[in-house]
């Protein structure tokens, strides 16, 4: 079996944009439910920190659940992406969780740096995904850290017609 080719950065970007649209709905519903249950008014404090923790857990369950055992999110299926480990095998739960934590950390640290140090630090948010443009295997920085690979996987119907010719 030949290894699947690494996903092109533009394909990653398309998947991320589509994922963002779906996640907007998920975050909105979680936020609405949390706000209704806790009377969250957006002011800093324990309720806001609780909301951030709930959102972190819900998104962790969403991504980890879809990335493990060869499952994919709807955007990943649409743009023909598959997440595998370095050896091309489906991710186990631990590896999927490691990728989620690495990506979350790499996206939140620039936000904290921009808030506490200097607004220009916000540009560091481009580094993890932008790494795919210079990486020899076209992998994002959080993929390198977590030991995962995002690959281009054609839909089963396309594979069948290509092999039947």
C-alpha atoms as a PDB file:
ATOM      1  CA  UNK A   1       0.000   0.000   0.000  1.00  0.00           C
ATOM      2  CA  UNK A   2       1.441   3.383  -0.967  1.00  0.00           C
ATOM      3  CA  UNK A   3       1.393   6.081   1.695  1.00  0.00           C
ATOM      4  CA  UNK A   4      -1.209   8.773   1.214  1.00  0.00           C
ATOM      5  CA  UNK A   5       0.123  12.132   0.012  1.00  0.00           C
ATOM      6  CA  UNK A   6       0.298  14.980   2.502  1.00  0.00           C
ATOM      7  CA  UNK A   7      -2.490  17.515   2.243  1.00  0.00           C
ATOM      8  CA  UNK A   8      -1.614  20.695   0.386  1.00  0.00           C
ATOM      9  CA  UNK A   9      -1.763  23.827   2.580  1.00  0.00           C
ATOM     10  CA  UNK A  10      -4.617  25.214   0.460  1.00  0.00           C
ATOM     11  CA  UNK A  11      -6.654  22.065   1.073  1.00  0.00           C
ATOM     12  CA  UNK A  12      -5.943  22.465   4.797  1.00  0.00           C
ATOM     13  CA  UNK A  13      -7.104  26.079   4.571  1.00  0.00           C
ATOM     14  CA  UNK A  14     -10.342  25.108   2.803  1.00  0.00           C
ATOM     15  CA  UNK A  15     -11.032  22.497   5.474  1.00  0.00           C
ATOM     16  CA  UNK A  16     -10.312  25.007   8.241  1.00  0.00           C
ATOM     17  CA  UNK A  17     -12.685  27.572   6.753  1.00  0.00           C
ATOM     18  CA  UNK A  18     -15.484  25.027   6.449  1.00  0.00           C
ATOM     19  CA  UNK A  19     -14.741  23.742   9.958  1.00  0.00           C
ATOM     20  CA  UNK A  20     -14.993  27.305  11.250  1.00  0.00           C
ATOM     21  CA  UNK A  21     -18.489  27.654   9.824  1.00  0.00           C
ATOM     22  CA  UNK A  22     -19.657  24.480  11.561  1.00  0.00           C
ATOM     23  CA  UNK A  23     -17.896  25.348  14.804  1.00  0.00           C
ATOM     24  CA  UNK A  24     -19.627  28.723  14.858  1.00  0.00           C
ATOM     25  CA  UNK A  25     -22.920  26.893  15.265  1.00  0.00           C
ATOM     26  CA  UNK A  26     -21.565  24.524  17.899  1.00  0.00           C
ATOM     27  CA  UNK A  27     -20.030  27.350  19.938  1.00  0.00           C
ATOM     28  CA  UNK A  28     -23.205  29.408  19.612  1.00  0.00           C
ATOM     29  CA  UNK A  29     -25.428  26.600  20.911  1.00  0.00           C
ATOM     30  CA  UNK A  30     -23.058  25.739  23.760  1.00  0.00           C
ATOM     31  CA  UNK A  31     -22.807  29.424  24.653  1.00  0.00           C
ATOM     32  CA  UNK A  32     -26.554  29.883  24.529  1.00  0.00           C
ATOM     33  CA  UNK A  33     -27.163  26.867  26.744  1.00  0.00           C
ATOM     34  CA  UNK A  34     -24.454  27.840  29.217  1.00  0.00           C
ATOM     35  CA  UNK A  35     -25.709  31.411  29.333  1.00  0.00           C
ATOM     36  CA  UNK A  36     -29.276  30.285  29.948  1.00  0.00           C
ATOM     37  CA  UNK A  37     -28.230  27.918  32.745  1.00  0.00           C
ATOM     38  CA  UNK A  38     -25.805  30.240  34.538  1.00  0.00           C
ATOM     39  CA  UNK A  39     -27.163  33.687  33.639  1.00  0.00           C
ATOM     40  CA  UNK A  40     -23.770  34.535  32.148  1.00  0.00           C
ATOM     41  CA  UNK A  41     -23.667  38.205  31.237  1.00  0.00           C
ATOM     42  CA  UNK A  42     -20.162  38.240  29.790  1.00  0.00           C
ATOM     43  CA  UNK A  43     -18.516  39.984  32.731  1.00  0.00           C
ATOM     44  CA  UNK A  44     -15.133  38.645  33.844  1.00  0.00           C
ATOM     45  CA  UNK A  45     -15.319  36.233  36.716  1.00  0.00           C
ATOM     46  CA  UNK A  46     -15.974  32.653  37.654  1.00  0.00           C
ATOM     47  CA  UNK A  47     -18.912  32.158  35.257  1.00  0.00           C
ATOM     48  CA  UNK A  48     -16.890  33.357  32.267  1.00  0.00           C
ATOM     49  CA  UNK A  49     -13.976  31.111  33.230  1.00  0.00           C
ATOM     50  CA  UNK A  50     -16.458  28.249  33.587  1.00  0.00           C
ATOM     51  CA  UNK A  51     -17.776  28.937  30.104  1.00  0.00           C
ATOM     52  CA  UNK A  52     -14.266  28.898  28.686  1.00  0.00           C
ATOM     53  CA  UNK A  53     -13.606  25.563  30.400  1.00  0.00           C
ATOM     54  CA  UNK A  54     -16.881  24.085  29.112  1.00  0.00           C
ATOM     55  CA  UNK A  55     -16.071  25.264  25.602  1.00  0.00           C
ATOM     56  CA  UNK A  56     -12.564  23.790  25.818  1.00  0.00           C
ATOM     57  CA  UNK A  57     -14.012  20.420  26.897  1.00  0.00           C
ATOM     58  CA  UNK A  58     -16.807  20.391  24.296  1.00  0.00           C
ATOM     59  CA  UNK A  59     -14.423  21.243  21.455  1.00  0.00           C
ATOM     60  CA  UNK A  60     -11.971  18.649  22.776  1.00  0.00           C
ATOM     61  CA  UNK A  61     -14.675  15.985  22.707  1.00  0.00           C
ATOM     62  CA  UNK A  62     -15.743  17.071  19.215  1.00  0.00           C
ATOM     63  CA  UNK A  63     -12.273  16.957  17.680  1.00  0.00           C
ATOM     64  CA  UNK A  64     -10.913  13.990  19.596  1.00  0.00           C
ATOM     65  CA  UNK A  65     -14.055  11.995  18.876  1.00  0.00           C
ATOM     66  CA  UNK A  66     -13.876  12.679  15.162  1.00  0.00           C
ATOM     67  CA  UNK A  67     -10.131  12.296  14.734  1.00  0.00           C
ATOM     68  CA  UNK A  68      -9.725   8.930  16.446  1.00  0.00           C
ATOM     69  CA  UNK A  69      -9.967   5.541  14.734  1.00  0.00           C
ATOM     70  CA  UNK A  70     -10.020   7.007  11.221  1.00  0.00           C
ATOM     71  CA  UNK A  71     -13.184   9.056  11.680  1.00  0.00           C
ATOM     72  CA  UNK A  72     -13.386  12.493  10.080  1.00  0.00           C
ATOM     73  CA  UNK A  73     -15.394  15.661  10.571  1.00  0.00           C
ATOM     74  CA  UNK A  74     -17.783  16.657   7.800  1.00  0.00           C
ATOM     75  CA  UNK A  75     -15.365  19.303   6.438  1.00  0.00           C
ATOM     76  CA  UNK A  76     -12.567  16.733   6.392  1.00  0.00           C
ATOM     77  CA  UNK A  77     -14.763  14.373   4.375  1.00  0.00           C
ATOM     78  CA  UNK A  78     -15.813  17.153   2.020  1.00  0.00           C
ATOM     79  CA  UNK A  79     -12.283  18.260   1.141  1.00  0.00           C
ATOM     80  CA  UNK A  80     -10.873  14.687   1.259  1.00  0.00           C
ATOM     81  CA  UNK A  81      -8.671  14.985   4.344  1.00  0.00           C
ATOM     82  CA  UNK A  82      -7.693  12.205   6.725  1.00  0.00           C
ATOM     83  CA  UNK A  83      -5.717  12.406   9.943  1.00  0.00           C
ATOM     84  CA  UNK A  84      -3.238   9.593  10.571  1.00  0.00           C
ATOM     85  CA  UNK A  85      -0.196   9.012  12.762  1.00  0.00           C
ATOM     86  CA  UNK A  86       3.371   9.161  11.421  1.00  0.00           C
ATOM     87  CA  UNK A  87       3.114   5.550  10.226  1.00  0.00           C
ATOM     88  CA  UNK A  88      -0.139   6.116   8.318  1.00  0.00           C
ATOM     89  CA  UNK A  89      -2.385   4.354  10.851  1.00  0.00           C
ATOM     90  CA  UNK A  90      -5.614   5.843  12.237  1.00  0.00           C
ATOM     91  CA  UNK A  91      -5.141   7.881  15.398  1.00  0.00           C
ATOM     92  CA  UNK A  92      -5.846   6.433  18.802  1.00  0.00           C
ATOM     93  CA  UNK A  93      -7.623   8.597  21.365  1.00  0.00           C
ATOM     94  CA  UNK A  94      -4.394   9.658  23.066  1.00  0.00           C
ATOM     95  CA  UNK A  95      -2.769  10.851  19.840  1.00  0.00           C
ATOM     96  CA  UNK A  96      -5.967  12.712  18.824  1.00  0.00           C
ATOM     97  CA  UNK A  97      -6.064  14.392  22.244  1.00  0.00           C
ATOM     98  CA  UNK A  98      -2.374  15.315  21.936  1.00  0.00           C
ATOM     99  CA  UNK A  99      -3.065  17.005  18.601  1.00  0.00           C
ATOM    100  CA  UNK A 100      -6.033  18.898  20.042  1.00  0.00           C
ATOM    101  CA  UNK A 101      -3.994  20.104  23.024  1.00  0.00           C
ATOM    102  CA  UNK A 102      -1.001  21.087  20.854  1.00  0.00           C
ATOM    103  CA  UNK A 103      -3.200  23.008  18.398  1.00  0.00           C
ATOM    104  CA  UNK A 104      -5.126  24.714  21.202  1.00  0.00           C
ATOM    105  CA  UNK A 105      -1.942  25.753  22.955  1.00  0.00           C
ATOM    106  CA  UNK A 106      -0.387  27.056  19.746  1.00  0.00           C
ATOM    107  CA  UNK A 107      -3.472  29.134  18.996  1.00  0.00           C
ATOM    108  CA  UNK A 108      -4.087  30.517  22.497  1.00  0.00           C
ATOM    109  CA  UNK A 109      -0.499  31.466  23.372  1.00  0.00           C
ATOM    110  CA  UNK A 110      -0.378  34.199  20.680  1.00  0.00           C
ATOM    111  CA  UNK A 111      -3.691  35.545  21.995  1.00  0.00           C
ATOM    112  CA  UNK A 112      -2.270  35.752  25.509  1.00  0.00           C
ATOM    113  CA  UNK A 113       0.967  37.304  24.226  1.00  0.00           C
ATOM    114  CA  UNK A 114      -1.003  39.914  22.284  1.00  0.00           C
ATOM    115  CA  UNK A 115      -3.070  40.739  25.346  1.00  0.00           C
ATOM    116  CA  UNK A 116      -0.261  40.891  27.898  1.00  0.00           C
ATOM    117  CA  UNK A 117       2.809  41.851  25.846  1.00  0.00           C
ATOM    118  CA  UNK A 118       2.112  43.590  22.555  1.00  0.00           C
ATOM    119  CA  UNK A 119      -0.712  43.457  19.966  1.00  0.00           C
ATOM    120  CA  UNK A 120       1.796  42.567  17.231  1.00  0.00           C
ATOM    121  CA  UNK A 121       2.269  39.181  18.926  1.00  0.00           C
ATOM    122  CA  UNK A 122      -1.096  38.250  17.440  1.00  0.00           C
ATOM    123  CA  UNK A 123       0.729  37.590  14.160  1.00  0.00           C
ATOM    124  CA  UNK A 124       2.210  34.486  15.816  1.00  0.00           C
ATOM    125  CA  UNK A 125      -1.215  32.864  15.414  1.00  0.00           C
ATOM    126  CA  UNK A 126      -0.277  32.299  11.746  1.00  0.00           C
ATOM    127  CA  UNK A 127       2.851  30.299  12.609  1.00  0.00           C
ATOM    128  CA  UNK A 128       1.394  26.828  13.358  1.00  0.00           C
ATOM    129  CA  UNK A 129      -0.633  26.526  10.142  1.00  0.00           C
ATOM    130  CA  UNK A 130       1.837  28.571   8.089  1.00  0.00           C
ATOM    131  CA  UNK A 131       4.493  26.035   9.008  1.00  0.00           C
ATOM    132  CA  UNK A 132       2.888  23.694   6.453  1.00  0.00           C
ATOM    133  CA  UNK A 133       4.167  25.943   3.631  1.00  0.00           C
ATOM    134  CA  UNK A 134       7.811  25.422   4.623  1.00  0.00           C
ATOM    135  CA  UNK A 135       7.671  21.930   6.114  1.00  0.00           C
ATOM    136  CA  UNK A 136       9.201  19.167   4.012  1.00  0.00           C
ATOM    137  CA  UNK A 137       6.084  16.983   4.465  1.00  0.00           C
ATOM    138  CA  UNK A 138       3.573  19.883   4.399  1.00  0.00           C
ATOM    139  CA  UNK A 139       2.569  19.310   8.021  1.00  0.00           C
ATOM    140  CA  UNK A 140       1.490  22.034  10.447  1.00  0.00           C
ATOM    141  CA  UNK A 141       3.590  22.673  13.517  1.00  0.00           C
ATOM    142  CA  UNK A 142       1.034  21.062  15.833  1.00  0.00           C
ATOM    143  CA  UNK A 143       1.064  17.947  13.617  1.00  0.00           C
ATOM    144  CA  UNK A 144       4.830  17.746  14.031  1.00  0.00           C
ATOM    145  CA  UNK A 145       4.534  18.121  17.799  1.00  0.00           C
ATOM    146  CA  UNK A 146       1.686  15.593  18.151  1.00  0.00           C
ATOM    147  CA  UNK A 147       3.135  13.028  15.735  1.00  0.00           C
ATOM    148  CA  UNK A 148       0.231  13.212  13.301  1.00  0.00           C
ATOM    149  CA  UNK A 149      -0.122  13.736   9.545  1.00  0.00           C
ATOM    150  CA  UNK A 150      -2.968  15.360   7.658  1.00  0.00           C
ATOM    151  CA  UNK A 151      -3.169  13.590   4.308  1.00  0.00           C
ATOM    152  CA  UNK A 152      -5.187  13.858   1.119  1.00  0.00           C
ATOM    153  CA  UNK A 153      -7.475  10.850   0.907  1.00  0.00           C
ATOM    154  CA  UNK A 154      -9.695  10.535  -2.121  1.00  0.00           C
ATOM    155  CA  UNK A 155     -13.305   9.442  -1.527  1.00  0.00           C
ATOM    156  CA  UNK A 156     -13.932   5.688  -1.889  1.00  0.00           C
ATOM    157  CA  UNK A 157     -15.907   6.164  -5.130  1.00  0.00           C
ATOM    158  CA  UNK A 158     -12.995   8.010  -6.755  1.00  0.00           C
ATOM    159  CA  UNK A 159     -10.572   5.290  -5.653  1.00  0.00           C
ATOM    160  CA  UNK A 160     -12.797   2.569  -7.107  1.00  0.00           C
ATOM    161  CA  UNK A 161     -13.067   4.234 -10.513  1.00  0.00           C
ATOM    162  CA  UNK A 162      -9.332   4.975 -10.603  1.00  0.00           C
ATOM    163  CA  UNK A 163      -8.383   1.364  -9.819  1.00  0.00           C
ATOM    164  CA  UNK A 164     -10.978  -0.169 -12.147  1.00  0.00           C
ATOM    165  CA  UNK A 165      -9.472   1.530 -15.226  1.00  0.00           C
END
